[in-house]
Amino acid sequence: MKRLPIPDDVTGNEIDKDVHQELLSLPKTLAEDVARNLVMVARLIDEDPEGAYGYSRVALRLASRVAAVREAAGFAAYATQKYSEALAEFRAARRMTGNTELWPVMADCERGLGRPEKALDMAGAPEVQKLDKAGQVEMRLVAAGARRDLDQLDAAIVTLQSAELASNSIQPWTARLRYAYADALLAVGREGEAREWFAKAVEADRDGSTDASDRLAELDGVEFVDAMDEDDAENETVVKVVVDEDTTTTDEADDEPADEDEPEAAEPKATESEADEPKAAEPKVVEIKDSTED
């Protein structure tokens, strides 16, 4: 089995205690190996989803009968938009544990597979009532997304209207819920209301999980200029190079100095035949732009 390199500072002890408890069913050395791969999945899944996916496959080959491993493999596949694979892993994890916490992300996989109707069916299933508050809000977001997939924009807005949306308390899901509502309003042309809710999303987005501030600035007509572009423009210099298309290249012409004491000969008048000859091309000035850094 091909293994992937794991930094020495990754011990495996960084995993959640519940996951650690699950790994106790494995031999100690194997459990440590699986744990280290799961730590790498968690480290990379946001910044390098493909890398996280690779480590998840290693963990899966080592311990496919551990629910936490199947769940991690599902999230890694989901992050890389391998929705069919992710759904299979989530279903396997759910069969092993019997809990419903993966129900919303499973429904979102159905959306990713182009089956929004299936996602809406799952949003109305009894399993939703077993979810905690965070899970129910997540299911609402998925259902609203499915409505938009079906071009049911007004229905998406209604789906998001809830006590959680109206609440002034800030919860982990608040920023995303407000953002989704603002985006749905904007989709139907209710720009003023959308701006209000993007502003509310900014207030709740303490960890920068959305780009609500950028969307708000866009609605306000604010344009951002990249500072690097301005620096490049300031450092841009123009070098003028004179190119003489009729330059003599012989060494004699370059090395022979002019005699300062010798009077200049009068310029002979061109004969009639010489006047008809084409004149030598004028030297060209070529501008070369060069951006330099201080």
Protein backbone atom coordinates (compact mmCIF):
# COMPACT_ATOMS: atom_id res chain seq x y z
CA MET A 1 0.00 0.00 0.00
CA LYS A 2 1.40 3.38 -0.99
CA ARG A 3 1.76 5.69 2.00
CA LEU A 4 1.93 9.47 1.93
CA PRO A 5 4.53 11.46 3.85
CA ILE A 6 3.41 12.72 7.24
CA PRO A 7 5.33 15.41 9.18
CA ASP A 8 7.07 14.25 12.34
CA ASP A 9 5.07 16.69 14.46
CA VAL A 10 1.85 14.80 13.64
CA THR A 11 1.47 12.19 16.37
CA GLY A 12 -2.16 11.17 15.97
CA ASN A 13 -3.02 12.39 19.44
CA GLU A 14 -4.54 15.51 17.87
CA ILE A 15 -7.72 13.69 16.85
CA ASP A 16 -11.04 14.11 18.63
CA LYS A 17 -11.50 11.92 21.70
CA ASP A 18 -14.57 10.24 20.19
CA VAL A 19 -12.56 9.27 17.10
CA HIS A 20 -9.75 8.05 19.35
CA GLN A 21 -12.28 5.87 21.16
CA GLU A 22 -13.35 4.30 17.87
CA LEU A 23 -9.75 3.52 16.94
CA LEU A 24 -9.24 1.52 20.13
CA SER A 25 -10.74 -1.45 18.30
CA LEU A 26 -7.60 -1.56 16.14
CA PRO A 27 -4.12 -2.82 17.04
CA LYS A 28 -2.11 -0.03 18.62
CA THR A 29 0.37 0.53 15.77
CA LEU A 30 -2.40 0.45 13.17
CA ALA A 31 -4.55 2.82 15.23
CA GLU A 32 -1.69 5.31 15.44
CA ASP A 33 -1.12 5.10 11.70
CA VAL A 34 -4.80 5.68 10.95
CA ALA A 35 -4.98 8.54 13.43
CA ARG A 36 -2.03 10.35 11.82
CA ASN A 37 -3.65 10.09 8.39
CA LEU A 38 -6.92 11.43 9.79
CA VAL A 39 -5.05 14.38 11.31
CA MET A 40 -3.62 15.16 7.85
CA VAL A 41 -7.13 15.06 6.38
CA ALA A 42 -8.30 17.61 8.93
CA ARG A 43 -5.25 19.81 8.35
CA LEU A 44 -5.54 19.92 4.57
CA ILE A 45 -9.24 19.73 3.80
CA ASP A 46 -9.77 23.50 3.58
CA GLU A 47 -6.55 24.59 1.87
CA ASP A 48 -5.67 21.47 -0.12
CA PRO A 49 -8.75 19.27 -0.63
CA GLU A 50 -6.99 16.97 -3.09
CA GLY A 51 -4.20 16.39 -0.60
CA ALA A 52 -6.74 15.66 2.13
CA TYR A 53 -8.49 13.23 -0.20
CA GLY A 54 -5.23 11.32 -0.70
CA TYR A 55 -4.72 10.84 3.04
CA SER A 56 -8.35 9.84 3.48
CA ARG A 57 -7.91 7.05 0.96
CA VAL A 58 -4.91 5.73 2.87
CA ALA A 59 -6.90 5.75 6.12
CA LEU A 60 -9.80 4.06 4.37
CA ARG A 61 -7.61 1.23 3.10
CA LEU A 62 -6.22 0.75 6.60
CA ALA A 63 -9.49 0.80 8.54
CA SER A 64 -12.61 0.77 6.38
CA ARG A 65 -14.72 -0.69 9.20
CA VAL A 66 -14.29 2.37 11.43
CA ALA A 67 -17.16 4.84 11.08
CA ALA A 68 -14.97 7.88 11.72
CA VAL A 69 -12.72 6.84 8.85
CA ARG A 70 -15.67 6.46 6.48
CA GLU A 71 -16.96 9.87 7.55
CA ALA A 72 -13.58 11.51 7.00
CA ALA A 73 -13.34 9.88 3.58
CA GLY A 74 -16.81 11.20 2.79
CA PHE A 75 -15.93 14.78 3.70
CA ALA A 76 -12.68 14.62 1.73
CA ALA A 77 -14.55 13.36 -1.33
CA TYR A 78 -17.23 16.02 -0.81
CA ALA A 79 -14.56 18.75 -0.66
CA THR A 80 -13.24 17.60 -4.04
CA GLN A 81 -16.76 17.45 -5.52
CA LYS A 82 -16.73 13.66 -5.83
CA TYR A 83 -20.35 13.61 -4.73
CA SER A 84 -21.20 10.03 -5.62
CA GLU A 85 -18.24 8.72 -3.66
CA ALA A 86 -18.95 11.07 -0.77
CA LEU A 87 -22.56 9.94 -0.58
CA ALA A 88 -21.51 6.29 -0.48
CA GLU A 89 -19.10 6.95 2.39
CA PHE A 90 -21.66 8.99 4.35
CA ARG A 91 -24.24 6.25 3.95
CA ALA A 92 -21.74 3.68 5.20
CA ALA A 93 -20.89 5.80 8.24
CA ARG A 94 -24.58 6.29 9.00
CA ARG A 95 -25.24 2.55 8.83
CA MET A 96 -22.40 1.97 11.30
CA THR A 97 -23.47 4.60 13.82
CA GLY A 98 -27.23 4.83 13.30
CA ASN A 99 -27.20 8.62 13.82
CA THR A 100 -28.62 11.21 11.43
CA GLU A 101 -26.12 14.06 11.76
CA LEU A 102 -24.85 13.47 8.21
CA TRP A 103 -28.34 13.81 6.73
CA PRO A 104 -27.94 17.43 5.49
CA VAL A 105 -24.60 16.84 3.77
CA MET A 106 -25.99 13.67 2.20
CA ALA A 107 -28.85 15.76 0.80
CA ASP A 108 -26.35 18.27 -0.53
CA CYS A 109 -24.54 15.43 -2.30
CA GLU A 110 -27.84 14.72 -4.06
CA ARG A 111 -27.83 18.34 -5.21
CA GLY A 112 -24.26 17.94 -6.43
CA LEU A 113 -25.33 14.92 -8.44
CA GLY A 114 -28.02 16.99 -10.14
CA ARG A 115 -30.92 15.58 -8.11
CA PRO A 116 -32.43 18.58 -6.26
CA GLU A 117 -35.80 16.86 -6.04
CA LYS A 118 -34.20 14.07 -4.01
CA ALA A 119 -32.62 16.67 -1.72
CA LEU A 120 -36.06 18.22 -1.13
CA ASP A 121 -37.50 14.79 -0.33
CA MET A 122 -34.78 14.34 2.28
CA ALA A 123 -35.56 17.81 3.69
CA GLY A 124 -39.08 16.60 4.47
CA ALA A 125 -38.06 13.23 5.89
CA PRO A 126 -38.54 12.26 9.57
CA GLU A 127 -34.74 12.18 10.03
CA VAL A 128 -34.70 15.99 10.01
CA GLN A 129 -36.64 16.10 13.28
CA LYS A 130 -33.86 14.11 14.93
CA LEU A 131 -31.23 16.71 14.01
CA ASP A 132 -29.99 19.27 16.51
CA LYS A 133 -30.53 22.98 15.85
CA ALA A 134 -27.35 23.33 13.79
CA GLY A 135 -28.31 20.33 11.68
CA GLN A 136 -31.82 21.67 11.06
CA VAL A 137 -30.44 25.02 9.93
CA GLU A 138 -28.01 23.21 7.63
CA MET A 139 -30.90 21.22 6.20
CA ARG A 140 -32.80 24.45 5.58
CA LEU A 141 -29.83 25.86 3.67
CA VAL A 142 -29.62 22.74 1.53
CA ALA A 143 -33.35 22.83 0.82
CA ALA A 144 -33.16 26.49 -0.21
CA GLY A 145 -30.27 25.64 -2.51
CA ALA A 146 -32.34 22.86 -4.07
CA ARG A 147 -35.19 25.31 -4.67
CA ARG A 148 -32.79 27.62 -6.47
CA ASP A 149 -31.49 24.68 -8.52
CA LEU A 150 -35.07 24.22 -9.70
CA ASP A 151 -35.37 27.97 -10.41
CA GLN A 152 -37.92 28.32 -7.60
CA LEU A 153 -36.42 31.55 -6.32
CA ASP A 154 -39.36 32.81 -4.27
CA ALA A 155 -39.71 29.40 -2.64
CA ALA A 156 -36.02 29.52 -1.71
CA ILE A 157 -36.61 32.82 0.10
CA VAL A 158 -39.58 31.41 2.00
CA THR A 159 -37.56 28.31 2.93
CA LEU A 160 -34.91 30.45 4.62
CA GLN A 161 -37.38 32.55 6.59
CA SER A 162 -37.29 31.10 10.08
CA ALA A 163 -36.93 31.89 13.75
CA GLU A 164 -33.17 31.33 13.41
CA LEU A 165 -32.97 33.96 10.67
CA ALA A 166 -34.99 36.48 12.68
CA SER A 167 -33.02 35.93 15.87
CA ASN A 168 -30.52 38.60 16.97
CA SER A 169 -28.32 36.07 18.73
CA ILE A 170 -25.14 35.05 16.93
CA GLN A 171 -24.71 31.32 16.43
CA PRO A 172 -22.17 29.37 14.36
CA TRP A 173 -24.66 29.15 11.51
CA THR A 174 -25.96 32.74 11.63
CA ALA A 175 -23.60 34.31 9.09
CA ARG A 176 -24.21 31.60 6.50
CA LEU A 177 -27.98 31.72 6.99
CA ARG A 178 -28.11 35.49 6.61
CA TYR A 179 -25.78 35.35 3.62
CA ALA A 180 -27.93 32.75 1.86
CA TYR A 181 -31.03 34.85 2.49
CA ALA A 182 -29.36 38.01 1.15
CA ASP A 183 -28.18 36.16 -1.94
CA ALA A 184 -31.67 34.77 -2.57
CA LEU A 185 -33.16 38.27 -2.26
CA LEU A 186 -30.63 39.63 -4.71
CA ALA A 187 -31.48 36.86 -7.17
CA VAL A 188 -35.07 38.15 -7.42
CA GLY A 189 -34.01 41.79 -7.70
CA ARG A 190 -34.76 42.90 -4.13
CA GLU A 191 -31.48 44.77 -3.92
CA GLY A 192 -32.28 47.03 -0.98
CA GLU A 193 -33.29 44.13 1.25
CA ALA A 194 -30.33 42.10 0.02
CA ARG A 195 -27.95 44.87 1.06
CA GLU A 196 -29.51 44.95 4.52
CA TRP A 197 -29.03 41.21 5.00
CA PHE A 198 -25.50 41.18 3.61
CA ALA A 199 -24.72 43.84 6.24
CA LYS A 200 -26.27 41.60 8.93
CA ALA A 201 -24.20 38.69 7.64
CA VAL A 202 -21.04 40.79 7.99
CA GLU A 203 -21.95 41.50 11.63
CA ALA A 204 -22.25 37.79 12.35
CA ASP A 205 -19.30 36.61 10.27
CA ARG A 206 -16.60 36.71 12.92
CA ASP A 207 -14.34 34.12 11.31
CA GLY A 208 -14.66 35.22 7.69
CA SER A 209 -16.58 32.15 6.56
CA THR A 210 -18.38 34.12 3.84
CA ASP A 211 -17.53 36.92 1.42
CA ALA A 212 -20.43 39.03 2.70
CA SER A 213 -18.24 42.12 3.09
CA ASP A 214 -17.20 41.95 -0.56
CA ARG A 215 -20.79 41.48 -1.70
CA LEU A 216 -21.87 44.44 0.42
CA ALA A 217 -19.11 46.64 -1.01
CA GLU A 218 -20.13 45.59 -4.51
CA LEU A 219 -23.71 46.68 -3.89
CA ASP A 220 -22.41 50.01 -2.55
CA GLY A 221 -20.37 50.55 -5.71
CA VAL A 222 -17.00 50.26 -3.99
CA GLU A 223 -14.16 49.16 -6.26
CA PHE A 224 -11.03 47.61 -4.81
CA VAL A 225 -7.69 48.34 -6.46
CA ASP A 226 -4.88 45.88 -6.01
CA ALA A 227 -2.01 47.65 -4.27
CA MET A 228 0.48 45.52 -6.19
CA ASP A 229 -0.92 46.83 -9.47
CA GLU A 230 -0.43 50.42 -8.29
CA ASP A 231 3.14 49.68 -7.25
CA ASP A 232 3.85 48.12 -10.61
CA ALA A 233 2.50 51.19 -12.38
CA GLU A 234 4.67 53.50 -10.27
CA ASN A 235 7.79 51.44 -10.89
CA GLU A 236 7.21 51.16 -14.60
CA THR A 237 10.00 52.83 -16.57
CA VAL A 238 10.26 53.53 -20.27
CA VAL A 239 13.56 52.89 -22.00
CA LYS A 240 13.99 54.43 -25.44
CA VAL A 241 16.26 52.58 -27.82
CA VAL A 242 17.29 54.13 -31.13
CA VAL A 243 17.41 51.59 -33.90
CA ASP A 244 19.10 52.69 -37.12
CA GLU A 245 18.07 50.38 -39.90
CA ASP A 246 21.01 51.54 -42.06
CA THR A 247 23.76 51.19 -39.44
CA THR A 248 27.24 50.35 -40.79
CA THR A 249 28.66 47.33 -39.03
CA THR A 250 32.25 47.31 -40.33
CA ASP A 251 35.02 47.78 -37.81
CA GLU A 252 36.65 50.42 -40.00
CA ALA A 253 33.60 52.67 -39.86
CA ASP A 254 33.38 52.36 -36.09
CA ASP A 255 37.09 52.83 -35.38
CA GLU A 256 37.94 55.66 -37.81
CA PRO A 257 37.71 58.99 -35.94
CA ALA A 258 36.68 62.19 -37.65
CA ASP A 259 39.45 64.75 -38.32
CA GLU A 260 38.44 67.87 -36.42
CA ASP A 261 40.96 70.10 -38.33
CA GLU A 262 39.72 69.06 -41.73
CA PRO A 263 37.00 71.36 -43.03
CA GLU A 264 33.70 69.78 -43.78
CA ALA A 265 33.15 69.19 -47.44
CA ALA A 266 30.19 70.86 -49.00
CA GLU A 267 27.28 68.51 -49.40
CA PRO A 268 27.05 67.65 -53.09
CA LYS A 269 23.81 68.29 -54.85
CA ALA A 270 21.91 65.23 -55.79
CA THR A 271 21.79 64.45 -59.44
CA GLU A 272 18.48 63.88 -61.12
CA SER A 273 19.00 60.13 -61.04
CA GLU A 274 19.99 60.18 -57.38
CA ALA A 275 16.93 62.22 -56.49
CA ASP A 276 14.73 59.42 -57.73
CA GLU A 277 16.39 56.86 -55.46
CA PRO A 278 14.51 55.99 -52.24
CA LYS A 279 15.82 57.70 -49.12
CA ALA A 280 17.35 55.64 -46.31
CA ALA A 281 14.88 54.74 -43.62
CA GLU A 282 14.80 57.09 -40.65
CA PRO A 283 16.05 55.64 -37.34
CA LYS A 284 13.22 54.18 -35.31
CA VAL A 285 12.61 54.84 -31.65
CA VAL A 286 11.37 51.77 -29.82
CA GLU A 287 9.91 52.11 -26.32
CA ILE A 288 10.57 49.19 -24.01
CA LYS A 289 8.52 49.16 -20.83
CA ASP A 290 10.21 47.58 -17.90
CA SER A 291 8.63 47.08 -14.43
CA THR A 292 11.24 47.01 -11.71
CA GLU A 293 10.89 46.38 -8.01
CA ASP A 294 12.54 48.61 -5.41
